[in-house]
N, C-alpha and C. Protein backbone atom coordinates (compact mmCIF):
# COMPACT_ATOMS: atom_id res chain seq x y z
N MET A 1 14.85 16.59 6.10
CA MET A 1 13.97 15.79 4.94
C MET A 1 12.22 15.49 5.70
N ALA A 2 11.40 15.69 4.49
CA ALA A 2 10.14 15.61 4.78
C ALA A 2 9.15 14.46 5.19
N GLN A 3 8.43 14.84 6.14
CA GLN A 3 7.76 13.93 6.75
C GLN A 3 7.09 13.76 6.44
N PRO A 4 7.09 12.33 6.54
CA PRO A 4 5.52 11.32 6.10
C PRO A 4 3.96 12.06 6.10
N PRO A 5 3.40 11.65 5.10
CA PRO A 5 1.83 12.36 5.17
C PRO A 5 1.16 11.21 6.33
N PHE A 6 0.39 12.16 7.54
CA PHE A 6 -0.19 11.34 8.27
C PHE A 6 -1.85 11.10 7.72
N HIS A 7 -2.51 10.32 7.91
CA HIS A 7 -3.74 9.70 7.85
C HIS A 7 -4.55 9.70 9.09
N LEU A 8 -5.27 10.31 8.94
CA LEU A 8 -6.89 10.76 10.00
C LEU A 8 -8.58 10.22 9.19
N ALA A 9 -9.06 9.28 10.36
CA ALA A 9 -10.07 8.58 9.76
C ALA A 9 -11.08 9.74 11.11
N PHE A 10 -11.97 10.34 10.32
CA PHE A 10 -13.24 10.90 11.14
C PHE A 10 -14.53 10.65 11.18
N PRO A 11 -15.67 10.81 11.87
CA PRO A 11 -17.27 11.01 11.43
C PRO A 11 -17.56 12.13 11.01
N VAL A 12 -18.41 11.57 9.44
CA VAL A 12 -19.33 12.36 9.39
C VAL A 12 -20.93 12.53 9.21
N ASP A 13 -21.64 13.55 9.22
CA ASP A 13 -23.04 12.43 9.35
C ASP A 13 -23.53 11.95 7.78
N GLU A 14 -22.79 12.53 6.24
CA GLU A 14 -23.23 11.82 5.63
C GLU A 14 -22.16 12.68 4.64
N LEU A 15 -22.14 12.26 2.98
CA LEU A 15 -21.07 12.13 2.05
C LEU A 15 -21.20 13.22 1.35
N VAL A 16 -22.46 14.17 0.89
CA VAL A 16 -22.72 14.91 -0.10
C VAL A 16 -21.65 16.24 0.32
N ALA A 17 -22.45 16.63 1.45
CA ALA A 17 -22.40 18.03 1.52
C ALA A 17 -20.91 17.89 2.09
N THR A 18 -20.31 16.40 3.04
CA THR A 18 -18.96 16.44 2.70
C THR A 18 -17.79 16.73 2.06
N ARG A 19 -18.57 16.26 1.19
CA ARG A 19 -17.61 16.37 -0.77
C ARG A 19 -18.01 17.54 -1.11
N GLU A 20 -18.97 18.47 -0.85
CA GLU A 20 -18.84 20.11 -1.07
C GLU A 20 -17.98 20.44 -0.22
N PHE A 21 -17.27 20.35 1.25
CA PHE A 21 -16.99 20.87 2.19
C PHE A 21 -15.49 21.40 1.79
N TYR A 22 -15.16 19.53 2.06
CA TYR A 22 -13.75 19.22 1.88
C TYR A 22 -12.83 19.51 0.06
N ALA A 23 -13.69 18.52 -1.20
CA ALA A 23 -13.51 18.77 -1.87
C ALA A 23 -13.58 20.02 -2.79
N GLY A 24 -14.76 20.44 -2.75
CA GLY A 24 -15.11 21.84 -3.26
C GLY A 24 -14.37 23.49 -2.95
N LEU A 25 -14.85 23.82 -0.87
CA LEU A 25 -14.58 24.91 0.15
C LEU A 25 -13.63 24.47 0.15
N LEU A 26 -12.37 23.54 0.23
CA LEU A 26 -11.07 23.93 0.78
C LEU A 26 -10.20 23.31 -0.40
N ALA A 27 -10.56 22.80 -1.42
CA ALA A 27 -10.14 21.96 -2.67
C ALA A 27 -9.78 20.84 -2.68
N CYS A 28 -9.86 19.93 -1.44
CA CYS A 28 -8.67 19.29 -1.26
C CYS A 28 -8.99 17.90 -2.35
N PRO A 29 -8.48 17.59 -3.13
CA PRO A 29 -8.76 16.51 -4.22
C PRO A 29 -9.05 15.01 -3.56
N VAL A 30 -9.77 14.65 -4.35
CA VAL A 30 -11.05 13.03 -3.84
C VAL A 30 -9.77 11.85 -4.08
N GLY A 31 -9.72 11.15 -2.95
CA GLY A 31 -8.94 9.75 -3.47
C GLY A 31 -9.90 8.79 -3.86
N ARG A 32 -9.86 7.59 -3.09
CA ARG A 32 -10.40 6.68 -2.96
C ARG A 32 -11.80 6.72 -2.41
N GLU A 33 -13.16 6.36 -3.06
CA GLU A 33 -14.28 6.35 -1.99
C GLU A 33 -15.88 5.06 -2.27
N SER A 34 -15.89 5.26 -0.99
CA SER A 34 -17.40 4.21 -1.78
C SER A 34 -18.26 4.95 -0.66
N GLU A 35 -19.94 4.15 -0.54
CA GLU A 35 -21.41 4.51 -0.20
C GLU A 35 -20.83 5.09 1.19
N ARG A 36 -20.46 4.52 1.92
CA ARG A 36 -19.51 4.67 3.35
C ARG A 36 -18.72 5.63 3.63
N TRP A 37 -17.63 5.98 2.78
CA TRP A 37 -16.28 6.39 3.81
C TRP A 37 -16.05 7.60 1.99
N ILE A 38 -14.95 8.33 2.52
CA ILE A 38 -14.34 9.00 1.36
C ILE A 38 -12.59 9.61 1.84
N ASP A 39 -11.72 9.64 0.90
CA ASP A 39 -11.22 10.01 1.35
C ASP A 39 -10.59 11.23 0.26
N PHE A 40 -9.62 12.48 1.25
CA PHE A 40 -9.56 13.58 0.71
C PHE A 40 -7.72 13.94 0.62
N ASP A 41 -7.23 14.49 0.11
CA ASP A 41 -6.21 14.85 -0.02
C ASP A 41 -6.11 15.91 0.98
N PHE A 42 -5.62 16.02 2.02
CA PHE A 42 -5.98 17.01 2.86
C PHE A 42 -4.41 17.99 3.24
N PHE A 43 -4.05 18.89 2.13
CA PHE A 43 -2.74 19.53 2.33
C PHE A 43 -1.70 18.92 2.67
N GLY A 44 -1.73 17.77 1.67
CA GLY A 44 -0.69 16.32 1.97
C GLY A 44 -0.87 15.16 2.56
N HIS A 45 -1.90 15.22 3.35
CA HIS A 45 -2.02 14.29 4.16
C HIS A 45 -3.81 13.39 4.15
N GLN A 46 -3.74 12.47 4.15
CA GLN A 46 -4.95 11.32 3.93
C GLN A 46 -5.95 11.83 4.92
N ILE A 47 -6.76 12.37 4.50
CA ILE A 47 -7.84 11.90 5.70
C ILE A 47 -9.16 11.70 5.33
N THR A 48 -9.72 10.36 5.50
CA THR A 48 -10.95 9.84 5.56
C THR A 48 -12.20 10.24 6.44
N ALA A 49 -13.16 10.94 5.65
CA ALA A 49 -14.50 10.70 6.31
C ALA A 49 -15.58 9.42 6.42
N HIS A 50 -16.02 9.11 7.32
CA HIS A 50 -16.31 7.84 7.63
C HIS A 50 -17.98 8.14 8.01
N VAL A 51 -19.50 7.34 7.65
CA VAL A 51 -20.59 7.85 8.08
C VAL A 51 -20.37 7.06 9.27
N ALA A 52 -20.33 8.40 9.95
CA ALA A 52 -21.20 7.98 11.60
C ALA A 52 -22.28 8.71 12.02
N PRO A 53 -23.33 9.00 11.75
CA PRO A 53 -24.51 10.20 12.18
C PRO A 53 -24.33 10.67 13.32
N GLY A 54 -23.98 12.20 14.05
CA GLY A 54 -24.02 12.66 15.06
C GLY A 54 -22.25 12.08 15.55
N GLU A 55 -21.64 11.88 15.61
CA GLU A 55 -19.96 11.28 16.30
C GLU A 55 -19.65 12.38 16.28
N ALA A 56 -19.61 13.53 15.58
CA ALA A 56 -18.76 14.62 15.53
C ALA A 56 -18.61 15.92 16.10
N ARG A 57 -19.29 15.44 17.49
CA ARG A 57 -20.16 17.25 18.45
C ARG A 57 -18.77 16.81 19.26
N ALA A 58 -18.37 18.14 19.60
CA ALA A 58 -16.85 18.59 20.53
C ALA A 58 -17.71 19.13 21.64
N THR A 59 -16.23 19.09 23.09
CA THR A 59 -16.53 20.03 24.14
C THR A 59 -15.55 20.91 23.54
N ARG A 60 -15.25 22.39 24.70
CA ARG A 60 -14.62 22.92 24.52
C ARG A 60 -13.65 23.33 25.49
N ASN A 61 -12.77 24.11 25.37
CA ASN A 61 -11.46 24.66 26.82
C ASN A 61 -11.07 25.84 26.21
N GLU A 62 -10.53 26.52 26.97
CA GLU A 62 -10.13 27.80 26.65
C GLU A 62 -8.74 27.86 26.32
N VAL A 63 -8.31 28.47 25.76
CA VAL A 63 -6.76 28.81 24.85
C VAL A 63 -7.30 30.36 24.54
N ASP A 64 -6.29 30.83 25.19
CA ASP A 64 -5.53 32.20 25.25
C ASP A 64 -7.36 33.32 24.56
N GLY A 65 -8.38 32.85 25.63
CA GLY A 65 -9.54 33.45 25.52
C GLY A 65 -10.51 33.25 24.51
N ASP A 66 -10.05 32.06 23.54
CA ASP A 66 -11.12 31.67 22.34
C ASP A 66 -11.33 29.99 23.29
N PRO A 67 -12.70 29.69 22.76
CA PRO A 67 -13.07 28.56 23.46
C PRO A 67 -12.78 27.59 22.49
N VAL A 68 -11.95 26.61 22.28
CA VAL A 68 -11.59 26.14 21.37
C VAL A 68 -11.66 24.35 21.52
N PRO A 69 -12.32 23.89 20.14
CA PRO A 69 -13.22 22.55 20.19
C PRO A 69 -12.08 21.42 20.62
N VAL A 70 -12.08 20.69 21.64
CA VAL A 70 -11.10 19.57 22.48
C VAL A 70 -10.20 19.11 21.12
N ARG A 71 -11.48 18.59 20.60
CA ARG A 71 -11.31 17.60 19.12
C ARG A 71 -11.82 18.14 17.94
N HIS A 72 -10.58 18.56 17.39
CA HIS A 72 -9.99 19.25 16.23
C HIS A 72 -8.61 18.75 15.22
N PHE A 73 -8.65 18.92 14.60
CA PHE A 73 -7.95 18.68 13.40
C PHE A 73 -7.91 19.89 12.62
N GLY A 74 -6.25 19.95 11.65
CA GLY A 74 -6.33 21.03 10.66
C GLY A 74 -5.32 20.72 10.43
N ALA A 75 -4.52 21.68 9.50
CA ALA A 75 -3.07 21.99 8.92
C ALA A 75 -2.55 23.63 9.42
N VAL A 76 -1.14 23.03 9.34
CA VAL A 76 -0.17 24.45 9.36
C VAL A 76 -0.07 24.96 7.97
N LEU A 77 -0.58 25.42 7.56
CA LEU A 77 0.26 26.39 6.58
C LEU A 77 1.43 27.46 5.98
N ALA A 78 1.78 27.84 5.12
CA ALA A 78 3.26 28.94 5.13
C ALA A 78 1.75 29.95 5.40
N TRP A 79 2.37 31.14 5.71
CA TRP A 79 1.36 32.37 5.77
C TRP A 79 0.13 32.70 4.20
N ALA A 80 1.35 32.99 3.95
CA ALA A 80 0.51 33.56 2.34
C ALA A 80 -0.83 32.77 2.47
N ASP A 81 -0.33 31.41 2.71
CA ASP A 81 -1.81 30.37 2.20
C ASP A 81 -2.87 30.33 3.36
N TRP A 82 -2.00 30.78 4.63
CA TRP A 82 -2.63 30.56 5.48
C TRP A 82 -3.68 31.98 5.14
N GLU A 83 -3.04 33.07 4.99
CA GLU A 83 -4.44 34.48 4.92
C GLU A 83 -4.77 33.73 3.28
N ALA A 84 -4.06 33.66 2.42
CA ALA A 84 -5.46 33.47 0.99
C ALA A 84 -6.37 32.28 1.59
N LEU A 85 -6.46 31.28 1.92
CA LEU A 85 -7.36 30.21 2.55
C LEU A 85 -8.42 31.13 3.70
N ALA A 86 -7.49 31.75 4.29
CA ALA A 86 -9.07 32.61 5.44
C ALA A 86 -9.43 33.76 4.18
N GLU A 87 -9.40 34.05 3.62
CA GLU A 87 -10.00 35.62 2.63
C GLU A 87 -10.60 33.82 1.80
N ARG A 88 -10.73 33.21 0.91
CA ARG A 88 -11.26 32.36 -0.11
C ARG A 88 -12.44 31.97 1.27
N LEU A 89 -12.14 31.40 2.20
CA LEU A 89 -13.19 31.09 2.90
C LEU A 89 -14.57 31.95 3.23
N ARG A 90 -14.04 33.56 3.40
CA ARG A 90 -14.55 34.62 3.63
C ARG A 90 -15.34 35.07 2.93
N ASP A 91 -14.79 35.11 1.55
CA ASP A 91 -15.19 35.16 0.48
C ASP A 91 -16.70 34.20 0.26
N ALA A 92 -16.42 33.07 0.69
CA ALA A 92 -18.02 32.06 0.29
C ALA A 92 -18.35 32.14 1.20
N GLY A 93 -18.94 33.11 2.86
CA GLY A 93 -20.17 33.61 3.35
C GLY A 93 -19.47 31.82 4.61
N THR A 94 -18.55 31.78 4.29
CA THR A 94 -18.04 30.91 5.65
C THR A 94 -18.59 31.33 6.43
N LYS A 95 -18.97 30.51 8.11
CA LYS A 95 -18.83 31.22 9.37
C LYS A 95 -17.64 30.60 9.84
N PHE A 96 -16.85 31.76 10.85
CA PHE A 96 -15.79 30.93 11.31
C PHE A 96 -16.34 30.74 12.58
N LEU A 97 -15.86 29.64 13.13
CA LEU A 97 -16.17 29.00 14.52
C LEU A 97 -15.11 30.41 15.55
N ILE A 98 -14.17 30.26 15.11
CA ILE A 98 -13.04 31.40 15.66
C ILE A 98 -12.29 32.30 14.55
N GLU A 99 -12.65 33.52 14.45
CA GLU A 99 -12.30 34.67 13.15
C GLU A 99 -10.49 34.27 13.35
N PRO A 100 -10.04 34.20 11.74
CA PRO A 100 -8.81 35.09 12.35
C PRO A 100 -7.99 35.23 12.92
N ARG A 101 -7.10 35.73 13.79
CA ARG A 101 -6.67 36.32 13.83
C ARG A 101 -4.57 35.47 14.69
N VAL A 102 -4.40 36.69 15.53
CA VAL A 102 -3.06 36.75 16.03
C VAL A 102 -3.01 35.88 17.17
N ARG A 103 -2.11 34.93 17.53
CA ARG A 103 -2.56 33.84 18.89
C ARG A 103 -0.93 33.99 19.69
N PHE A 104 -1.12 34.15 20.92
CA PHE A 104 0.13 34.67 21.89
C PHE A 104 1.14 35.20 21.42
N ARG A 105 0.53 36.33 20.86
CA ARG A 105 1.33 37.62 20.15
C ARG A 105 2.45 38.09 20.93
N GLY A 106 3.91 37.94 20.70
CA GLY A 106 4.97 38.39 21.01
C GLY A 106 5.81 37.08 21.77
N ALA A 107 5.01 36.31 21.95
CA ALA A 107 5.48 34.81 23.15
C ALA A 107 5.82 34.07 21.98
N VAL A 108 6.93 32.92 22.33
CA VAL A 108 7.37 32.25 21.67
C VAL A 108 6.31 31.30 20.25
N GLY A 109 5.07 30.78 20.70
CA GLY A 109 4.49 30.27 20.12
C GLY A 109 3.36 30.99 19.14
N GLU A 110 3.84 32.67 19.18
CA GLU A 110 2.99 32.97 18.29
C GLU A 110 2.32 32.47 17.10
N GLN A 111 1.17 32.67 16.28
CA GLN A 111 0.88 31.60 15.59
C GLN A 111 -0.63 32.48 14.49
N GLY A 112 -0.76 32.88 13.82
CA GLY A 112 -2.28 32.93 13.11
C GLY A 112 -3.10 32.00 12.79
N THR A 113 -4.13 32.01 13.74
CA THR A 113 -4.97 30.73 13.41
C THR A 113 -6.50 31.18 13.40
N PHE A 114 -7.14 30.06 12.59
CA PHE A 114 -9.04 30.00 12.77
C PHE A 114 -9.36 28.46 13.20
N PHE A 115 -10.69 28.69 12.84
CA PHE A 115 -11.31 27.35 13.48
C PHE A 115 -12.76 27.58 12.06
N VAL A 116 -13.20 26.69 12.15
CA VAL A 116 -14.23 26.49 11.14
C VAL A 116 -15.46 25.27 11.04
N LEU A 117 -15.82 24.83 10.69
CA LEU A 117 -16.24 23.75 11.58
C LEU A 117 -16.92 23.59 9.84
N ASP A 118 -16.96 21.68 9.91
CA ASP A 118 -17.26 20.99 8.27
C ASP A 118 -19.19 20.77 8.79
N PRO A 119 -19.61 20.24 7.61
CA PRO A 119 -21.40 20.14 7.52
C PRO A 119 -21.59 19.33 8.64
N SER A 120 -20.56 18.29 9.21
CA SER A 120 -20.80 17.45 10.49
C SER A 120 -21.26 18.01 11.98
N GLY A 121 -20.11 19.06 11.56
CA GLY A 121 -19.75 19.77 13.18
C GLY A 121 -18.30 18.93 13.65
N ASN A 122 -17.70 18.43 13.10
CA ASN A 122 -15.91 18.76 13.01
C ASN A 122 -15.20 19.66 13.32
N ALA A 123 -14.23 20.27 13.52
CA ALA A 123 -14.18 21.51 14.31
C ALA A 123 -12.62 21.06 12.88
N LEU A 124 -11.89 22.23 12.60
CA LEU A 124 -10.71 21.60 12.19
C LEU A 124 -10.11 23.62 12.13
N GLU A 125 -8.90 23.18 12.40
CA GLU A 125 -7.97 24.58 12.87
C GLU A 125 -7.15 24.97 11.60
N PHE A 126 -6.89 25.79 11.52
CA PHE A 126 -6.05 25.91 10.08
C PHE A 126 -4.87 27.57 10.80
N LYS A 127 -3.99 26.66 11.02
CA LYS A 127 -2.15 27.47 11.85
C LYS A 127 -1.45 27.86 11.22
N SER A 128 -0.96 28.80 11.21
CA SER A 128 0.33 29.61 10.17
C SER A 128 1.71 29.99 11.74
N PHE A 129 2.97 29.73 11.40
CA PHE A 129 3.69 30.70 12.02
C PHE A 129 5.01 31.74 10.30
N ARG A 130 4.63 32.42 11.48
CA ARG A 130 5.62 33.37 10.16
C ARG A 130 7.09 32.78 10.65
N ASP A 131 7.72 31.71 11.51
CA ASP A 131 8.86 31.54 11.66
C ASP A 131 8.31 29.91 11.94
N PRO A 132 8.27 28.98 10.68
CA PRO A 132 8.27 27.85 10.56
C PRO A 132 9.02 26.88 11.66
N ASP A 133 10.07 27.57 11.92
CA ASP A 133 10.83 26.87 13.34
C ASP A 133 10.37 27.23 14.39
N ARG A 134 9.46 27.75 15.04
CA ARG A 134 8.43 28.14 16.22
C ARG A 134 7.76 26.96 16.19
N LEU A 135 7.27 25.93 14.96
CA LEU A 135 6.12 24.89 15.16
C LEU A 135 6.31 24.38 16.79
N PHE A 136 7.03 23.74 16.89
CA PHE A 136 7.38 22.77 18.27
C PHE A 136 8.34 23.29 19.35
N ALA A 137 8.83 24.48 18.58
CA ALA A 137 9.89 25.52 20.12
C ALA A 137 8.71 25.25 21.14
N SER A 138 9.59 25.65 22.52
CA SER A 138 9.11 25.43 24.18
C SER A 138 9.50 27.11 24.32
N ARG A 139 10.40 27.60 24.00
CA ARG A 139 10.92 28.69 24.39
C ARG A 139 11.52 29.80 23.47
């Protein structure tokens, strides 16, 4: 059975660059909007960007040798889609916060991952598992 979509509201500095990043670069369709917020279809989930300047900055923790932003969100994609998104972002000249790589190589949690920042400084992680059944596996 398919899981229901989640909803996430998050802060942004302003909406013009936010729309360009999510609707343009990430190809997320726009839903409802006002002068203070905008909804996006984020890989089948509803995210809402709310204007709250300066609220998006995050601290970091080390994970498998990378300084991972503590506050982040993202999507788990099929491997081919993950690779295609990474390539599209590279082609667009996007600066990666953490370059695309395989983390936890050889372990149960092995995954492709990369991080980017949106124009307000929100960290987004895109990841993939060659074996999707490993998403929640602990052994």
